[in-house]
Amino acid sequence: VYAFAESADATNLRVEIVLPEKPRHTPRLCRLGAIENNILANYRALGSPANPTREQLKELRAINTFAAAFPNEVRIEQRDGQWLASFSMETPGLALLEIN
């Protein structure tokens, strides 16, 4: 659960990670922020019901996934003999980059 106050100042951060080698497959990026993959934001969008209806619960469960960002949001490049992955993320927030 994204547990930062709604008034927390969110900024966009550019992250760059050194990879051990060139990825064989497209990396998968998942992010959690104030809106992205945030079930609490979706609950608030429903009006924060004290007793959600079955339909509201069904809707929340259906969207409660750690969905991946679009593949083109991760840039892979070679610089100075090293392979790098770069992407943006919200801070405060969390990002998971899966490389197979």
Protein backbone atom coordinates (compact mmCIF):
# COMPACT_ATOMS: atom_id res chain seq x y z
CA VAL A 1 0.00 0.00 0.00
CA TYR A 2 1.28 3.44 -0.91
CA ALA A 3 1.27 5.00 2.56
CA PHE A 4 2.33 8.58 1.93
CA ALA A 5 0.02 11.47 2.69
CA GLU A 6 -1.88 12.93 -0.23
CA SER A 7 -0.09 16.20 0.43
CA ALA A 8 3.36 14.61 -0.01
CA ASP A 9 5.26 16.47 -2.69
CA ALA A 10 5.69 14.00 -5.52
CA THR A 11 8.49 14.55 -7.99
CA ASN A 12 9.64 12.63 -11.02
CA LEU A 13 13.00 10.92 -10.75
CA ARG A 14 15.12 9.51 -13.59
CA VAL A 15 16.75 6.21 -12.54
CA GLU A 16 19.75 4.63 -14.25
CA ILE A 17 20.90 1.10 -13.42
CA VAL A 18 24.10 -0.61 -14.56
CA LEU A 19 23.32 -4.08 -15.93
CA PRO A 20 25.70 -7.04 -15.84
CA GLU A 21 25.11 -7.67 -19.57
CA LYS A 22 22.80 -6.82 -22.43
CA PRO A 23 19.29 -8.13 -21.61
CA ARG A 24 18.11 -10.98 -23.85
CA HIS A 25 14.47 -9.95 -23.44
CA THR A 26 12.61 -6.70 -22.94
CA PRO A 27 12.78 -5.70 -19.26
CA ARG A 28 9.52 -5.44 -17.33
CA LEU A 29 9.01 -2.31 -15.20
CA CYS A 30 6.36 -2.09 -12.47
CA ARG A 31 5.88 1.08 -10.47
CA LEU A 32 3.86 2.04 -7.41
CA GLY A 33 3.06 5.69 -6.87
CA ALA A 34 0.33 8.06 -5.79
CA ILE A 35 -1.85 6.90 -8.72
CA GLU A 36 -0.04 4.14 -10.64
CA ASN A 37 -0.84 0.64 -9.32
CA ASN A 38 -2.29 2.22 -6.17
CA ILE A 39 -5.38 0.48 -4.86
CA LEU A 40 -5.87 3.20 -2.25
CA ALA A 41 -6.20 5.85 -4.95
CA ASN A 42 -8.81 3.69 -6.68
CA TYR A 43 -10.68 3.25 -3.38
CA ARG A 44 -10.65 7.01 -2.84
CA ALA A 45 -11.93 7.51 -6.40
CA LEU A 46 -14.99 5.47 -5.38
CA GLY A 47 -15.61 7.97 -2.57
CA SER A 48 -13.92 5.89 0.18
CA PRO A 49 -17.10 3.98 1.04
CA ALA A 50 -17.19 2.66 4.63
CA ASN A 51 -19.12 -0.37 3.38
CA PRO A 52 -18.24 -0.99 -0.27
CA THR A 53 -20.86 -2.80 -2.30
CA ARG A 54 -20.08 -6.20 -3.79
CA GLU A 55 -19.73 -4.54 -7.18
CA GLN A 56 -17.25 -2.00 -5.79
CA LEU A 57 -15.23 -4.78 -4.13
CA LYS A 58 -15.26 -6.75 -7.36
CA GLU A 59 -14.01 -3.67 -9.24
CA LEU A 60 -11.24 -3.00 -6.69
CA ARG A 61 -10.09 -6.63 -6.74
CA ALA A 62 -9.98 -6.64 -10.53
CA ILE A 63 -7.69 -3.60 -10.70
CA ASN A 64 -5.53 -4.56 -7.72
CA THR A 65 -2.61 -5.78 -9.81
CA PHE A 66 1.02 -4.78 -10.09
CA ALA A 67 0.66 -3.93 -13.76
CA ALA A 68 3.74 -3.36 -15.88
CA ALA A 69 4.50 -0.05 -17.53
CA PHE A 70 4.71 0.12 -21.31
CA PRO A 71 7.90 -1.58 -22.56
CA ASN A 72 9.11 1.61 -24.26
CA GLU A 73 9.33 3.30 -20.84
CA VAL A 74 12.58 1.42 -20.15
CA ARG A 75 15.53 2.53 -22.22
CA ILE A 76 18.44 0.10 -22.70
CA GLU A 77 21.70 1.50 -23.99
CA GLN A 78 25.40 0.80 -23.99
CA ARG A 79 27.65 3.59 -22.76
CA ASP A 80 31.38 3.42 -22.04
CA GLY A 81 31.32 -0.38 -22.33
CA GLN A 82 28.47 -0.82 -19.83
CA TRP A 83 24.85 -1.73 -20.44
CA LEU A 84 22.39 0.62 -18.73
CA ALA A 85 18.66 0.55 -18.08
CA SER A 86 16.97 3.88 -17.43
CA PHE A 87 13.40 4.82 -16.59
CA SER A 88 11.41 7.44 -14.70
CA MET A 89 9.52 6.95 -11.48
CA GLU A 90 7.59 9.00 -9.01
CA THR A 91 9.16 9.77 -5.66
CA PRO A 92 8.05 8.91 -3.10
CA GLY A 93 7.31 5.65 -4.85
CA LEU A 94 8.64 2.22 -5.69
CA ALA A 95 9.88 0.57 -8.87
CA LEU A 96 10.66 -3.04 -9.72
CA LEU A 97 12.66 -3.77 -12.88
CA GLU A 98 12.64 -7.42 -13.94
CA ILE A 99 15.37 -8.48 -16.32
CA ASN A 100 15.44 -12.05 -17.62
